C-alpha atoms as a PDB file:
ATOM      1  CA  MET A   1     110.967 115.296  64.972  1.00  0.00           C
ATOM      2  CA  HIS A   2     113.379 112.649  64.414  1.00  0.00           C
ATOM      3  CA  TRP A   3     116.368 112.200  66.486  1.00  0.00           C
ATOM      4  CA  LEU A   4     117.417 109.214  64.537  1.00  0.00           C
ATOM      5  CA  LYS A   5     117.458 108.147  60.853  1.00  0.00           C
ATOM      6  CA  ILE A   6     118.799 104.765  59.688  1.00  0.00           C
ATOM      7  CA  ARG A   7     118.443 103.696  56.229  1.00  0.00           C
ATOM      8  CA  VAL A   8     119.121 100.101  55.017  1.00  0.00           C
ATOM      9  CA  GLY A   9     118.248 100.180  51.483  1.00  0.00           C
ATOM     10  CA  ALA A  10     114.573 101.005  50.704  1.00  0.00           C
ATOM     11  CA  TRP A  11     113.619 100.730  54.216  1.00  0.00           C
ATOM     12  CA  GLN A  12     114.387 103.693  57.086  1.00  0.00           C
ATOM     13  CA  PHE A  13     114.140 103.743  60.831  1.00  0.00           C
ATOM     14  CA  ALA A  14     113.237 107.045  61.846  1.00  0.00           C
ATOM     15  CA  PRO A  15     111.535 107.250  65.472  1.00  0.00           C
ATOM     16  CA  ALA A  16     109.921 110.373  66.408  1.00  0.00           C
ATOM     17  CA  LEU A  17     111.382 112.045  69.790  1.00  0.00           C
ATOM     18  CA  TRP A  18     107.887 112.205  71.882  1.00  0.00           C
ATOM     19  CA  PRO A  19     106.581 108.649  71.187  1.00  0.00           C
ATOM     20  CA  THR A  20     110.044 107.209  71.860  1.00  0.00           C
ATOM     21  CA  LEU A  21     110.087 108.888  75.341  1.00  0.00           C
ATOM     22  CA  ALA A  22     106.691 107.746  75.974  1.00  0.00           C
ATOM     23  CA  ALA A  23     107.561 104.169  74.814  1.00  0.00           C
ATOM     24  CA  LEU A  24     110.519 104.417  76.910  1.00  0.00           C
ATOM     25  CA  PHE A  25     108.604 105.550  79.903  1.00  0.00           C
ATOM     26  CA  PHE A  26     106.100 102.578  79.772  1.00  0.00           C
ATOM     27  CA  LEU A  27     108.950 100.383  79.126  1.00  0.00           C
ATOM     28  CA  ILE A  28     110.822 101.239  82.196  1.00  0.00           C
ATOM     29  CA  LEU A  29     107.771 100.818  84.002  1.00  0.00           C
ATOM     30  CA  THR A  30     106.750  97.513  82.846  1.00  0.00           C
ATOM     31  CA  VAL A  31     110.004  95.942  83.225  1.00  0.00           C
ATOM     32  CA  SER A  32     110.340  97.255  86.636  1.00  0.00           C
ATOM     33  CA  LEU A  33     106.813  95.754  87.629  1.00  0.00           C
ATOM     34  CA  GLY A  34     108.217  92.248  86.175  1.00  0.00           C
ATOM     35  CA  ASN A  35     111.487  92.716  88.440  1.00  0.00           C
ATOM     36  CA  TRP A  36     109.295  93.465  91.253  1.00  0.00           C
ATOM     37  CA  GLN A  37     106.984  90.518  90.873  1.00  0.00           C
ATOM     38  CA  SER A  38     110.042  88.122  89.924  1.00  0.00           C
ATOM     39  CA  GLU A  39     111.395  89.614  93.493  1.00  0.00           C
ATOM     40  CA  ARG A  40     108.263  88.751  95.252  1.00  0.00           C
ATOM     41  CA  ALA A  41     108.217  85.423  93.725  1.00  0.00           C
ATOM     42  CA  ASP A  42     111.999  84.944  94.805  1.00  0.00           C
ATOM     43  CA  ILE A  43     110.628  85.911  98.544  1.00  0.00           C
ATOM     44  CA  LYS A  44     107.997  83.445  98.512  1.00  0.00           C
ATOM     45  CA  ARG A  45     110.409  80.716  97.008  1.00  0.00           C
ATOM     46  CA  ALA A  46     112.474  81.133  99.976  1.00  0.00           C
ATOM     47  CA  LEU A  47     109.502  80.986 102.303  1.00  0.00           C
ATOM     48  CA  GLN A  48     108.463  77.836 100.662  1.00  0.00           C
ATOM     49  CA  ALA A  49     111.601  76.160 101.004  1.00  0.00           C
ATOM     50  CA  ARG A  50     111.852  77.284 104.541  1.00  0.00           C
ATOM     51  CA  TYR A  51     108.395  75.821 105.288  1.00  0.00           C
ATOM     52  CA  ASP A  52     109.269  72.556 103.563  1.00  0.00           C
ATOM     53  CA  ALA A  53     112.452  72.381 105.828  1.00  0.00           C
ATOM     54  CA  ALA A  54     110.407  73.362 108.843  1.00  0.00           C
ATOM     55  CA  VAL A  55     108.038  70.562 108.705  1.00  0.00           C
ATOM     56  CA  ARG A  56     110.768  68.074 108.950  1.00  0.00           C
ATOM     57  CA  GLU A  57     112.211  69.628 112.153  1.00  0.00           C
ATOM     58  CA  PRO A  58     111.128  68.489 115.850  1.00  0.00           C
ATOM     59  CA  PRO A  59     108.417  70.494 117.338  1.00  0.00           C
ATOM     60  CA  VAL A  60     108.977  74.006 119.143  1.00  0.00           C
ATOM     61  CA  HIS A  61     107.486  73.864 122.652  1.00  0.00           C
ATOM     62  CA  ILE A  62     105.348  76.920 123.367  1.00  0.00           C
ATOM     63  CA  GLY A  63     105.809  78.290 127.075  1.00  0.00           C
ATOM     64  CA  GLY A  64     104.759  81.532 128.691  1.00  0.00           C
ATOM     65  CA  THR A  65     106.687  83.920 126.684  1.00  0.00           C
ATOM     66  CA  LEU A  66     105.504  85.893 123.354  1.00  0.00           C
ATOM     67  CA  LEU A  67     106.726  84.341 120.356  1.00  0.00           C
ATOM     68  CA  GLY A  68     108.718  85.737 117.523  1.00  0.00           C
ATOM     69  CA  ARG A  69     106.136  85.297 114.660  1.00  0.00           C
ATOM     70  CA  ASP A  70     108.990  84.938 111.857  1.00  0.00           C
ATOM     71  CA  GLU A  71     111.129  82.652 113.730  1.00  0.00           C
ATOM     72  CA  VAL A  72     107.834  80.133 114.205  1.00  0.00           C
ATOM     73  CA  LEU A  73     105.942  80.679 111.200  1.00  0.00           C
ATOM     74  CA  TYR A  74     105.303  77.359 109.500  1.00  0.00           C
ATOM     75  CA  ARG A  75     107.353  75.172 112.286  1.00  0.00           C
ATOM     76  CA  LYS A  76     105.787  72.498 114.102  1.00  0.00           C
ATOM     77  CA  LEU A  77     104.555  73.540 117.411  1.00  0.00           C
ATOM     78  CA  GLU A  78     103.719  71.727 120.678  1.00  0.00           C
ATOM     79  CA  VAL A  79     101.630  73.468 123.729  1.00  0.00           C
ATOM     80  CA  ALA A  80     100.013  72.566 126.789  1.00  0.00           C
ATOM     81  CA  GLY A  81      96.953  74.186 128.315  1.00  0.00           C
ATOM     82  CA  VAL A  82      93.463  74.404 128.702  1.00  0.00           C
ATOM     83  CA  PHE A  83      90.971  75.424 125.957  1.00  0.00           C
ATOM     84  CA  ASP A  84      88.578  78.421 126.638  1.00  0.00           C
ATOM     85  CA  ASP A  85      85.342  77.300 125.044  1.00  0.00           C
ATOM     86  CA  ALA A  86      83.525  80.286 125.879  1.00  0.00           C
ATOM     87  CA  HIS A  87      85.490  82.054 123.304  1.00  0.00           C
ATOM     88  CA  THR A  88      85.219  79.425 120.301  1.00  0.00           C
ATOM     89  CA  ILE A  89      84.302  81.094 117.081  1.00  0.00           C
ATOM     90  CA  LEU A  90      83.155  79.459 113.792  1.00  0.00           C
ATOM     91  CA  LEU A  91      84.592  80.685 110.614  1.00  0.00           C
ATOM     92  CA  ASP A  92      81.928  80.357 108.013  1.00  0.00           C
ATOM     93  CA  ASN A  93      82.260  79.488 104.362  1.00  0.00           C
ATOM     94  CA  ARG A  94      84.823  76.728 104.838  1.00  0.00           C
ATOM     95  CA  VAL A  95      84.752  74.189 102.207  1.00  0.00           C
ATOM     96  CA  MET A  96      85.930  70.681 102.285  1.00  0.00           C
ATOM     97  CA  ASN A  97      85.530  67.976  99.789  1.00  0.00           C
ATOM     98  CA  GLY A  98      82.972  70.314  98.232  1.00  0.00           C
ATOM     99  CA  VAL A  99      80.803  70.280 101.355  1.00  0.00           C
ATOM    100  CA  ALA A 100      79.922  73.729 103.006  1.00  0.00           C
ATOM    101  CA  GLY A 101      81.353  74.135 106.877  1.00  0.00           C
ATOM    102  CA  TYR A 102      83.131  75.983 109.388  1.00  0.00           C
ATOM    103  CA  HIS A 103      86.725  76.132 110.827  1.00  0.00           C
ATOM    104  CA  VAL A 104      86.344  75.913 114.819  1.00  0.00           C
ATOM    105  CA  LEU A 105      88.760  78.315 116.446  1.00  0.00           C
ATOM    106  CA  THR A 106      89.456  77.990 120.143  1.00  0.00           C
ATOM    107  CA  PRO A 107      91.904  79.798 122.284  1.00  0.00           C
ATOM    108  CA  LEU A 108      94.079  77.757 124.460  1.00  0.00           C
ATOM    109  CA  ARG A 109      95.282  79.519 127.558  1.00  0.00           C
ATOM    110  CA  ILE A 110      98.656  78.243 127.914  1.00  0.00           C
ATOM    111  CA  ASP A 111     100.338  76.879 130.836  1.00  0.00           C
ATOM    112  CA  GLY A 112     102.962  78.772 132.973  1.00  0.00           C
ATOM    113  CA  GLY A 113     101.570  82.613 131.795  1.00  0.00           C
ATOM    114  CA  PRO A 114      98.824  85.047 130.891  1.00  0.00           C
ATOM    115  CA  LEU A 115      99.152  84.290 127.099  1.00  0.00           C
ATOM    116  CA  ALA A 116      96.822  82.214 124.795  1.00  0.00           C
ATOM    117  CA  ILE A 117      97.220  80.454 121.524  1.00  0.00           C
ATOM    118  CA  LEU A 118      94.245  80.834 119.162  1.00  0.00           C
ATOM    119  CA  VAL A 119      93.621  76.959 117.664  1.00  0.00           C
ATOM    120  CA  ASN A 120      92.099  76.262 114.505  1.00  0.00           C
ATOM    121  CA  ARG A 121      90.770  72.845 115.690  1.00  0.00           C
ATOM    122  CA  GLY A 122      89.198  71.642 112.400  1.00  0.00           C
ATOM    123  CA  TRP A 123      86.325  71.684 110.144  1.00  0.00           C
ATOM    124  CA  VAL A 124      82.646  70.795 110.673  1.00  0.00           C
ATOM    125  CA  ALA A 125      79.824  70.652 108.014  1.00  0.00           C
ATOM    126  CA  VAL A 126      77.086  73.191 108.510  1.00  0.00           C
ATOM    127  CA  GLY A 127      73.796  71.941 110.012  1.00  0.00           C
ATOM    128  CA  LEU A 128      70.418  71.230 108.132  1.00  0.00           C
ATOM    129  CA  THR A 129      69.906  74.820 108.288  1.00  0.00           C
ATOM    130  CA  ARG A 130      71.730  77.824 108.715  1.00  0.00           C
ATOM    131  CA  GLU A 131      69.794  78.329 112.165  1.00  0.00           C
ATOM    132  CA  GLN A 132      71.435  75.010 113.664  1.00  0.00           C
ATOM    133  CA  VAL A 133      74.793  76.041 114.000  1.00  0.00           C
ATOM    134  CA  PRO A 134      77.094  73.000 115.025  1.00  0.00           C
ATOM    135  CA  LYS A 135      78.691  72.991 118.633  1.00  0.00           C
ATOM    136  CA  PRO A 136      81.571  70.410 118.276  1.00  0.00           C
ATOM    137  CA  PRO A 137      82.573  69.410 122.078  1.00  0.00           C
ATOM    138  CA  THR A 138      85.667  70.916 123.368  1.00  0.00           C
ATOM    139  CA  PRO A 139      88.259  68.731 125.358  1.00  0.00           C
ATOM    140  CA  ALA A 140      87.881  69.562 129.185  1.00  0.00           C
ATOM    141  CA  GLY A 141      91.059  69.986 131.556  1.00  0.00           C
ATOM    142  CA  ARG A 142      94.552  70.273 130.599  1.00  0.00           C
ATOM    143  CA  VAL A 143      95.394  69.210 127.063  1.00  0.00           C
ATOM    144  CA  GLU A 144      98.548  68.852 125.027  1.00  0.00           C
ATOM    145  CA  LEU A 145      98.555  69.693 121.284  1.00  0.00           C
ATOM    146  CA  GLU A 146     100.543  69.656 118.150  1.00  0.00           C
ATOM    147  CA  GLY A 147      99.880  71.680 115.182  1.00  0.00           C
ATOM    148  CA  LEU A 148     101.603  73.928 112.649  1.00  0.00           C
ATOM    149  CA  ALA A 149     102.185  77.666 113.024  1.00  0.00           C
ATOM    150  CA  VAL A 150     100.176  79.984 110.378  1.00  0.00           C
ATOM    151  CA  ASP A 151      99.650  83.506 109.828  1.00  0.00           C
ATOM    152  CA  LEU A 152      97.093  84.661 112.187  1.00  0.00           C
ATOM    153  CA  HIS A 153      96.382  87.791 110.113  1.00  0.00           C
ATOM    154  CA  SER A 154      95.388  85.754 106.839  1.00  0.00           C
ATOM    155  CA  ARG A 155      92.314  87.098 105.410  1.00  0.00           C
ATOM    156  CA  PHE A 156      89.259  85.062 103.699  1.00  0.00           C
ATOM    157  CA  VAL A 157      87.593  86.469 100.661  1.00  0.00           C
ATOM    158  CA  GLU A 158      84.283  88.125 101.838  1.00  0.00           C
ATOM    159  CA  LEU A 159      81.752  90.117  99.708  1.00  0.00           C
ATOM    160  CA  ALA A 160      81.562  93.114 102.535  1.00  0.00           C
ATOM    161  CA  ALA A 161      82.355  93.832 106.132  1.00  0.00           C
ATOM    162  CA  THR A 162      79.975  91.489 108.224  1.00  0.00           C
ATOM    163  CA  ALA A 163      79.490  91.866 111.951  1.00  0.00           C
ATOM    164  CA  PRO A 164      79.851  88.472 113.792  1.00  0.00           C
ATOM    165  CA  GLN A 165      76.358  86.788 114.197  1.00  0.00           C
ATOM    166  CA  GLY A 166      77.356  85.370 117.869  1.00  0.00           C
ATOM    167  CA  ARG A 167      79.824  82.537 117.353  1.00  0.00           C
ATOM    168  CA  VAL A 168      79.846  82.801 113.547  1.00  0.00           C
ATOM    169  CA  TRP A 169      82.391  84.855 111.953  1.00  0.00           C
ATOM    170  CA  GLN A 170      82.825  85.403 108.422  1.00  0.00           C
ATOM    171  CA  ASN A 171      86.399  86.683 108.640  1.00  0.00           C
ATOM    172  CA  LEU A 172      88.886  86.430 111.479  1.00  0.00           C
ATOM    173  CA  ASP A 173      89.692  90.103 112.648  1.00  0.00           C
ATOM    174  CA  VAL A 174      92.555  89.648 115.397  1.00  0.00           C
ATOM    175  CA  ALA A 175      92.288  93.032 116.717  1.00  0.00           C
ATOM    176  CA  ARG A 176      88.600  92.778 117.157  1.00  0.00           C
ATOM    177  CA  TYR A 177      88.753  89.103 118.445  1.00  0.00           C
ATOM    178  CA  ALA A 178      91.526  90.149 121.132  1.00  0.00           C
ATOM    179  CA  GLU A 179      89.358  93.085 122.246  1.00  0.00           C
ATOM    180  CA  ILE A 180      86.017  90.886 122.680  1.00  0.00           C
ATOM    181  CA  SER A 181      87.755  88.105 124.297  1.00  0.00           C
ATOM    182  CA  GLY A 182      90.210  90.090 126.462  1.00  0.00           C
ATOM    183  CA  LEU A 183      93.070  87.617 125.744  1.00  0.00           C
ATOM    184  CA  THR A 184      96.793  88.295 124.990  1.00  0.00           C
ATOM    185  CA  LEU A 185      97.298  86.135 121.703  1.00  0.00           C
ATOM    186  CA  GLN A 186     100.435  84.624 120.572  1.00  0.00           C
ATOM    187  CA  PRO A 187     101.141  86.051 116.994  1.00  0.00           C
ATOM    188  CA  VAL A 188     100.598  82.876 115.109  1.00  0.00           C
ATOM    189  CA  LEU A 189      97.412  80.571 114.688  1.00  0.00           C
ATOM    190  CA  LEU A 190      98.016  76.829 115.757  1.00  0.00           C
ATOM    191  CA  GLN A 191      96.335  74.671 112.728  1.00  0.00           C
ATOM    192  CA  GLN A 192      95.765  71.427 114.865  1.00  0.00           C
ATOM    193  CA  THR A 193      97.590  68.112 113.858  1.00  0.00           C
ATOM    194  CA  SER A 194      97.108  65.982 116.706  1.00  0.00           C
ATOM    195  CA  ASP A 195      93.873  63.741 117.154  1.00  0.00           C
ATOM    196  CA  GLY A 196      91.267  64.876 119.219  1.00  0.00           C
ATOM    197  CA  ALA A 197      87.770  63.181 120.294  1.00  0.00           C
ATOM    198  CA  ASP A 198      85.646  66.124 118.756  1.00  0.00           C
ATOM    199  CA  GLY A 199      84.680  64.699 115.487  1.00  0.00           C
ATOM    200  CA  LEU A 200      86.678  67.492 113.605  1.00  0.00           C
ATOM    201  CA  LEU A 201      88.250  66.845 110.282  1.00  0.00           C
ATOM    202  CA  ARG A 202      91.743  68.310 110.168  1.00  0.00           C
ATOM    203  CA  ASN A 203      92.803  67.390 106.468  1.00  0.00           C
ATOM    204  CA  TRP A 204      95.007  70.572 106.287  1.00  0.00           C
ATOM    205  CA  PRO A 205      96.207  71.323 102.592  1.00  0.00           C
ATOM    206  CA  ARG A 206     100.115  72.051 102.306  1.00  0.00           C
ATOM    207  CA  PRO A 207     100.588  75.764 102.823  1.00  0.00           C
ATOM    208  CA  ASP A 208     100.978  77.690  99.357  1.00  0.00           C
ATOM    209  CA  THR A 209     103.134  80.967  99.359  1.00  0.00           C
ATOM    210  CA  GLY A 210     102.192  82.074  96.072  1.00  0.00           C
ATOM    211  CA  VAL A 211     105.079  81.496  94.134  1.00  0.00           C
ATOM    212  CA  ALA A 212     103.221  80.501  90.817  1.00  0.00           C
ATOM    213  CA  THR A 213     101.059  83.690  91.060  1.00  0.00           C
ATOM    214  CA  HIS A 214     103.996  85.994  91.370  1.00  0.00           C
ATOM    215  CA  VAL A 215     105.609  84.478  88.348  1.00  0.00           C
ATOM    216  CA  SER A 216     102.614  84.528  86.174  1.00  0.00           C
ATOM    217  CA  TYR A 217     102.574  88.454  86.836  1.00  0.00           C
ATOM    218  CA  ALA A 218     106.155  88.813  86.237  1.00  0.00           C
ATOM    219  CA  ILE A 219     105.447  86.919  82.747  1.00  0.00           C
ATOM    220  CA  GLN A 220     102.691  89.075  81.792  1.00  0.00           C
ATOM    221  CA  TRP A 221     104.497  92.245  82.637  1.00  0.00           C
ATOM    222  CA  TYR A 222     107.706  91.330  80.641  1.00  0.00           C
ATOM    223  CA  GLY A 223     105.477  90.198  77.703  1.00  0.00           C
ATOM    224  CA  LEU A 224     103.762  93.629  77.684  1.00  0.00           C
ATOM    225  CA  ALA A 225     107.325  95.009  77.774  1.00  0.00           C
ATOM    226  CA  THR A 226     108.263  92.986  74.578  1.00  0.00           C
ATOM    227  CA  THR A 227     105.055  93.953  73.052  1.00  0.00           C
ATOM    228  CA  LEU A 228     105.673  97.809  73.641  1.00  0.00           C
ATOM    229  CA  THR A 229     109.187  97.416  72.200  1.00  0.00           C
ATOM    230  CA  VAL A 230     108.045  95.485  69.115  1.00  0.00           C
ATOM    231  CA  LEU A 231     105.416  98.181  68.266  1.00  0.00           C
ATOM    232  CA  TRP A 232     107.562 100.839  68.775  1.00  0.00           C
ATOM    233  CA  LEU A 233     110.177  99.243  66.278  1.00  0.00           C
ATOM    234  CA  VAL A 234     107.592  98.366  63.812  1.00  0.00           C
ATOM    235  CA  LEU A 235     105.535 101.775  63.807  1.00  0.00           C
ATOM    236  CA  ASN A 236     108.994 103.419  63.209  1.00  0.00           C
ATOM    237  CA  VAL A 237     109.951 101.716  60.071  1.00  0.00           C
ATOM    238  CA  ARG A 238     109.185 103.343  56.846  1.00  0.00           C
ATOM    239  CA  ARG A 239     110.046 102.414  53.237  1.00  0.00           C
ATOM    240  CA  HIS A 240     110.909 104.555  50.279  1.00  0.00           C
ATOM    241  CA  ARG A 241     108.970 104.438  47.004  1.00  0.00           C
ATOM    242  CA  GLY A 242     110.051 106.981  44.062  1.00  0.00           C
ATOM    243  CA  GLY A 243     111.507 109.172  46.509  1.00  0.00           C
ATOM    244  CA  HIS A 244     108.808 109.277  49.067  1.00  0.00           C
ATOM    245  CA  VAL A 245     108.797 107.826  52.345  1.00  0.00           C
ATOM    246  CA  GLU A 246     105.947 105.668  53.175  1.00  0.00           C
ATOM    247  CA  SER A 247     104.951 104.138  56.405  1.00  0.00           C
ATOM    248  CA  THR A 248     104.887 100.140  56.597  1.00  0.00           C
ATOM    249  CA  PRO A 249     101.310  98.486  55.957  1.00  0.00           C
END
């Protein structure tokens, strides 16, 4: 059944009802997904701009009160306390300059209260064998640190759920870590930038909020919507020959 017929010379545009409704459904779907990705890109773009502005601001001092995650994310922080080396963990499969290694995470018990903040102190290379787990020194006594507040719940790629093997973890499971350590943690991870006599490398990359990824997905969805529209137009064009209506080649 054709709900519309338009004829221009030897050509006729006569889309059928049900194929048109199906095409309209997928067009709305793909455009909606493209719009959603565009909105996500705008949010991430604003977050990236916020980060770029925050790194130029003076550090926020962390005391004994719980922080608001969104208020300090990507801000520079300063904190004083004592490292709890008994609960240091090593995040496995962290590569720097093409060399495999670990990120060393140690909680810092903050002065003035019961809270702690988990500190990513830096990177260390693997040992000669996997059995030789490195033991970088942990500063003793009270320390003062500066660093960048990053997402405590960022996850790293893993092929399967793997139980921690001693201090070596494949992923940072925050809830599990808090249960094992018994610590009440601040809602951000402190990526240490201040120097420390521990031999760890702290060449942190600039945080990327993933704007380009969302823009790429949006372009793909809009491209698919455009393709659907072109196909719908082309497949519904017919031409007349000798009184007969023929489909376009």
